[in-house]
Each structure stands twice: as structure tokens, then as C-alpha cells.
Amino acid sequence: MKTLFLAVLMAGAATSALAADLPTRKGEPMAPAPAYAPAFTWGGLYVGINGGYGYAATGNTHFASPNGGLVGATVGYNWQMGQLVYGGEADFDYAFTKRDNSFGRVTNSYRVNWMTTERLRLGYAVDRALFFVTGGFAAVDTHANLTNAFGNSLDQNNWRIGGAIGAGVEYAFTNNISAKAEYLWMPLENESYWGGTRFAETNHMDVSLFRVGLNYKF
């Protein structure tokens, strides 16, 4: 009986040792799934800053054509369907533009202060580059002064309205930050100055803008 018990015990030990030597059925731990960055899209709300150069042509009048720098802010929204990108954009800029012109013993001073545009944009996206055309409404705040040899002066302030058309390119460096360069031409309505005086005249003006900007898309 004792011999049988020892035989069973030795057989159990041998079985345990053999089982320990067998390969495990557990698989290797699964590696975590790689994290993918979200696909880039031009769609969404964005805000930005812009700056550049403006030239206001006043036509054949006694007013000189003011030109100079400008700086301002931008807000817009895009939708994207395939490679087609469309949306709206508005901006508000302050311009550092002023020119004086003398005729006889009289000096005309003309300055462009504020300007704004509200436009539609239509573009074609090539990956992170966006080529676009744009058009809409424009308004420009102007200040005119006339001073004669005796120091007498006339002043006139006007918001001049018109259209804006142009084109540009924008490139997204990240999913949120992009930079753009654009040209806008803004033909504005005619304005009459110094009515009821011998200096009365009608002034034509159109503005050319060359701007760069930096946008942040939410």
C-alpha cells in the first residue's frame, strides 16, 4: 500500500514538471493602437491679424494719391467640399496714409484712416495650400483738408463705399495656423468736395491693397 502511494506521488510530480516545460498558450500582450492626428480641413471659424501697403489713386484732381502702411484684424468662416473651399471674410484696418498737394497758394491734404471689407471667398485646396478669389463690399474713411495762403481752411470727412475684388494664396503650417498673401482692388463711389466755393470739385478714388496675414482656425 505504501509502495502504491509513493508511485502515485512520483507520477504526479513528474506530470507537473512536464507541464511546466510545455509552451504557454498565452499570447504576447497587444501593442497599443497608434494615435493618428485628425485629418486637416479648411472648414471652420478663424480669426487673424493682417498688415501691408495701400495705394489710393484719386484720379485727375487737386488731391494727391495717399499711400502707406496699414494694419488690422480679420474674422471668417470656411466650408470645404472635397477640394472646393468657400466662405466669408471680414476685416477692419487702420491705414497710415496721407498726401499733400499744392496748387497756386492753396494746399490740399488727403488722408485715408479706417477701411473695412466684407467679402465672399472661393478657393481650391491643394493639400495645405489654398488658392482663392474674393469679392464683396468695401468702405473707406477719408479726411480732406484745404488751406489757403491766409490760413483759412476747409475740412470734410467721408465714409466712401464701393466694391472689393481680389485673389490670394493661403498656406496652413499646422491644423490651426495659416499664413496668407492677397491683393484687393477697391473701386469707390465719387465724392464732391468744397461745394459752394470756387474750389469745388468731384473726386474719384480706388484703392489697391497688398496684404499678408496670420490666421488661427478653431
Protein backbone atom coordinates (compact mmCIF):
# COMPACT_ATOMS: atom_id res chain seq x y z
CA MET A 1 0.00 0.00 0.00
CA LYS A 2 2.81 2.32 0.93
CA THR A 3 4.59 1.45 -2.31
CA LEU A 4 1.46 2.30 -4.36
CA PHE A 5 1.11 5.66 -2.63
CA LEU A 6 4.75 6.57 -3.38
CA ALA A 7 4.27 5.58 -7.04
CA VAL A 8 1.20 7.83 -7.42
CA LEU A 9 3.01 10.74 -5.74
CA MET A 10 6.04 10.43 -8.04
CA ALA A 11 3.77 10.21 -11.12
CA GLY A 12 2.02 13.47 -10.09
CA ALA A 13 5.33 15.24 -9.57
CA ALA A 14 6.58 14.13 -12.98
CA THR A 15 3.36 15.34 -14.65
CA SER A 16 3.70 18.76 -13.00
CA ALA A 17 7.31 19.10 -14.15
CA LEU A 18 6.35 18.14 -17.72
CA ALA A 19 3.52 20.66 -17.73
CA ALA A 20 5.91 23.40 -16.60
CA ASP A 21 8.16 22.67 -19.57
CA LEU A 22 5.33 22.94 -22.13
CA PRO A 23 4.99 26.27 -24.05
CA THR A 24 2.40 28.66 -22.62
CA ARG A 25 -0.83 29.26 -24.52
CA LYS A 26 -0.95 32.96 -23.56
CA GLY A 27 -0.28 35.31 -26.47
CA GLU A 28 2.09 38.29 -26.37
CA PRO A 29 0.49 41.48 -24.93
CA MET A 30 -1.11 43.60 -27.67
CA ALA A 31 0.67 46.83 -28.53
CA PRO A 32 -1.45 49.99 -28.09
CA ALA A 33 -3.06 51.26 -31.29
CA PRO A 34 -1.08 54.14 -32.88
CA ALA A 35 -2.56 57.62 -32.36
CA TYR A 36 -3.43 59.36 -35.63
CA ALA A 37 -3.58 63.15 -35.98
CA PRO A 38 -7.00 64.37 -37.19
CA ALA A 39 -7.21 64.92 -40.94
CA PHE A 40 -6.64 68.56 -41.98
CA THR A 41 -9.57 70.60 -43.25
CA TRP A 42 -10.01 74.26 -44.13
CA GLY A 43 -13.53 74.27 -42.69
CA GLY A 44 -14.29 76.23 -39.54
CA LEU A 45 -14.15 79.61 -37.84
CA TYR A 46 -10.90 81.59 -37.90
CA VAL A 47 -9.55 84.92 -36.65
CA GLY A 48 -6.33 86.69 -37.54
CA ILE A 49 -4.20 89.77 -37.97
CA ASN A 50 -3.10 91.40 -41.21
CA GLY A 51 -0.85 94.16 -42.43
CA GLY A 52 0.50 95.56 -45.65
CA TYR A 53 0.53 98.52 -48.01
CA GLY A 54 -2.27 100.56 -49.57
CA TYR A 55 -2.31 102.95 -52.51
CA ALA A 56 -5.34 105.22 -53.07
CA ALA A 57 -5.49 106.65 -56.60
CA THR A 58 -7.50 109.88 -56.70
CA GLY A 59 -7.61 110.48 -60.44
CA ASN A 60 -7.11 113.81 -62.21
CA THR A 61 -7.99 116.20 -59.36
CA HIS A 62 -6.22 118.58 -56.98
CA PHE A 63 -5.94 115.72 -54.48
CA ALA A 64 -2.70 113.77 -54.31
CA SER A 65 -2.92 109.98 -54.07
CA PRO A 66 -2.27 108.91 -50.46
CA ASN A 67 -0.31 105.74 -49.84
CA GLY A 68 1.24 103.97 -46.87
CA GLY A 69 1.03 101.07 -44.47
CA LEU A 70 -1.99 99.50 -42.80
CA VAL A 71 -2.67 97.01 -40.02
CA GLY A 72 -5.83 95.33 -38.76
CA ALA A 73 -7.82 92.26 -37.79
CA THR A 74 -9.68 89.54 -39.73
CA VAL A 75 -12.53 87.11 -38.99
CA GLY A 76 -14.00 84.50 -41.30
CA TYR A 77 -15.59 81.09 -41.77
CA ASN A 78 -14.93 78.37 -44.34
CA TRP A 79 -16.75 75.28 -45.56
CA GLN A 80 -14.99 72.55 -47.54
CA MET A 81 -16.37 70.04 -50.06
CA GLY A 82 -13.59 67.93 -51.49
CA GLN A 83 -11.01 70.40 -52.78
CA LEU A 84 -13.54 73.24 -53.04
CA VAL A 85 -13.40 75.74 -50.17
CA TYR A 86 -15.93 78.56 -49.81
CA GLY A 87 -16.89 81.03 -47.10
CA GLY A 88 -16.96 84.64 -45.97
CA GLU A 89 -14.39 87.01 -44.51
CA ALA A 90 -14.46 90.48 -42.92
CA ASP A 91 -11.60 92.76 -41.91
CA PHE A 92 -11.09 96.15 -40.28
CA ASP A 93 -7.83 98.04 -40.79
CA TYR A 94 -6.22 101.30 -39.78
CA ALA A 95 -4.22 102.98 -42.55
CA PHE A 96 -1.22 105.29 -42.16
CA THR A 97 -1.78 107.09 -45.47
CA LYS A 98 -1.61 110.82 -46.16
CA ARG A 99 -0.54 113.06 -49.04
CA ASP A 100 -0.40 116.84 -49.51
CA ASN A 101 -0.67 118.65 -52.83
CA SER A 102 -0.21 122.37 -53.53
CA PHE A 103 -1.75 124.31 -56.39
CA GLY A 104 -1.21 128.06 -56.52
CA ARG A 105 -1.21 129.27 -52.92
CA VAL A 106 -3.59 126.54 -51.75
CA THR A 107 -2.76 123.18 -50.14
CA ASN A 108 -4.95 120.09 -50.33
CA SER A 109 -4.32 117.41 -47.73
CA TYR A 110 -5.91 113.99 -48.12
CA ARG A 111 -5.80 111.11 -45.66
CA VAL A 112 -7.26 107.60 -45.50
CA ASN A 113 -7.91 106.49 -41.91
CA TRP A 114 -10.02 103.37 -41.48
CA MET A 115 -11.09 100.78 -44.04
CA THR A 116 -13.21 97.66 -43.94
CA THR A 117 -14.26 94.92 -46.36
CA GLU A 118 -16.88 92.17 -46.12
CA ARG A 119 -16.30 89.57 -48.84
CA LEU A 120 -17.09 86.08 -50.09
CA ARG A 121 -14.17 83.74 -50.80
CA LEU A 122 -13.98 80.81 -53.20
CA GLY A 123 -10.88 78.65 -53.25
CA TYR A 124 -9.27 75.46 -54.46
CA ALA A 125 -7.25 73.46 -51.92
CA VAL A 126 -4.11 71.54 -52.84
CA ASP A 127 -3.37 69.75 -49.58
CA ARG A 128 -2.40 72.58 -47.20
CA ALA A 129 -2.26 75.30 -49.87
CA LEU A 130 -5.42 77.27 -50.73
CA PHE A 131 -5.70 79.39 -53.89
CA PHE A 132 -8.67 81.75 -53.74
CA VAL A 133 -10.56 84.60 -55.36
CA THR A 134 -12.68 87.02 -53.36
CA GLY A 135 -15.20 89.82 -53.80
CA GLY A 136 -17.70 91.92 -51.89
CA PHE A 137 -18.24 95.26 -50.14
CA ALA A 138 -15.67 97.90 -49.15
CA ALA A 139 -15.81 101.16 -47.19
CA VAL A 140 -13.04 103.70 -46.55
CA ASP A 141 -12.98 106.56 -44.03
CA THR A 142 -11.29 109.66 -45.51
CA HIS A 143 -10.37 113.11 -44.25
CA ALA A 144 -9.74 116.04 -46.60
CA ASN A 145 -8.40 119.50 -45.77
CA LEU A 146 -7.92 122.61 -47.89
CA THR A 147 -5.87 125.56 -46.60
CA ASN A 148 -5.27 128.83 -48.44
CA ALA A 149 -2.41 131.32 -48.10
CA PHE A 150 -4.23 133.24 -45.35
CA GLY A 151 -4.56 130.15 -43.15
CA ASN A 152 -8.28 129.70 -43.79
CA SER A 153 -9.18 126.03 -44.08
CA LEU A 154 -11.99 123.70 -45.03
CA ASP A 155 -12.38 120.16 -43.66
CA GLN A 156 -14.52 117.29 -44.90
CA ASN A 157 -14.82 113.73 -43.56
CA ASN A 158 -16.49 110.97 -45.56
CA TRP A 159 -17.06 107.23 -45.49
CA ARG A 160 -16.72 106.24 -49.13
CA ILE A 161 -18.27 102.93 -50.14
CA GLY A 162 -17.74 100.62 -53.09
CA GLY A 163 -16.67 97.12 -54.01
CA ALA A 164 -13.65 94.89 -53.44
CA ILE A 165 -12.30 92.13 -55.68
CA GLY A 166 -9.04 90.25 -55.48
CA ALA A 167 -7.14 87.00 -55.18
CA GLY A 168 -4.55 85.34 -52.98
CA VAL A 169 -2.99 82.22 -51.56
CA GLU A 170 -3.02 80.78 -48.04
CA TYR A 171 -0.91 78.01 -46.54
CA ALA A 172 -1.62 76.05 -43.35
CA PHE A 173 1.55 75.30 -41.37
CA THR A 174 -0.42 73.35 -38.76
CA ASN A 175 -4.06 72.26 -38.42
CA ASN A 176 -4.76 75.61 -36.72
CA ILE A 177 -2.28 78.19 -38.00
CA SER A 178 -2.07 79.53 -41.56
CA ALA A 179 -0.47 82.47 -43.37
CA LYS A 180 -1.83 84.28 -46.42
CA ALA A 181 -0.90 86.88 -49.03
CA GLU A 182 -3.53 88.71 -51.08
CA TYR A 183 -4.24 91.63 -53.39
CA LEU A 184 -7.51 93.62 -53.31
CA TRP A 185 -8.73 96.31 -55.67
CA MET A 186 -11.44 98.58 -54.24
CA PRO A 187 -13.23 100.96 -56.67
CA LEU A 188 -15.15 103.55 -54.61
CA GLU A 189 -18.00 105.93 -55.38
CA ASN A 190 -17.19 109.50 -56.42
CA GLU A 191 -17.30 112.24 -53.78
CA SER A 192 -17.79 116.01 -54.14
CA TYR A 193 -15.68 118.43 -52.10
CA TRP A 194 -15.80 122.11 -51.18
CA GLY A 195 -19.33 122.62 -52.51
CA GLY A 196 -20.39 126.25 -52.81
CA THR A 197 -16.81 127.52 -53.08
CA ARG A 198 -14.56 128.26 -56.05
CA PHE A 199 -12.55 125.17 -55.12
CA ALA A 200 -15.47 122.76 -55.63
CA GLU A 201 -14.55 119.51 -57.36
CA THR A 202 -15.55 115.87 -57.60
CA ASN A 203 -13.00 113.31 -56.56
CA HIS A 204 -12.66 109.76 -57.88
CA MET A 205 -10.78 107.16 -55.84
CA ASP A 206 -9.88 103.50 -55.99
CA VAL A 207 -7.65 101.68 -53.51
CA SER A 208 -5.15 98.90 -54.11
CA LEU A 209 -4.20 96.77 -51.11
CA PHE A 210 -1.30 94.35 -50.79
CA ARG A 211 -1.63 92.41 -47.53
CA VAL A 212 -0.21 89.47 -45.64
CA GLY A 213 -1.92 87.86 -42.67
CA LEU A 214 -1.70 85.21 -39.99
CA ASN A 215 -4.87 83.25 -39.08
CA TYR A 216 -5.83 80.91 -36.27
CA LYS A 217 -8.58 78.35 -37.05
CA PHE A 218 -10.63 76.93 -34.19
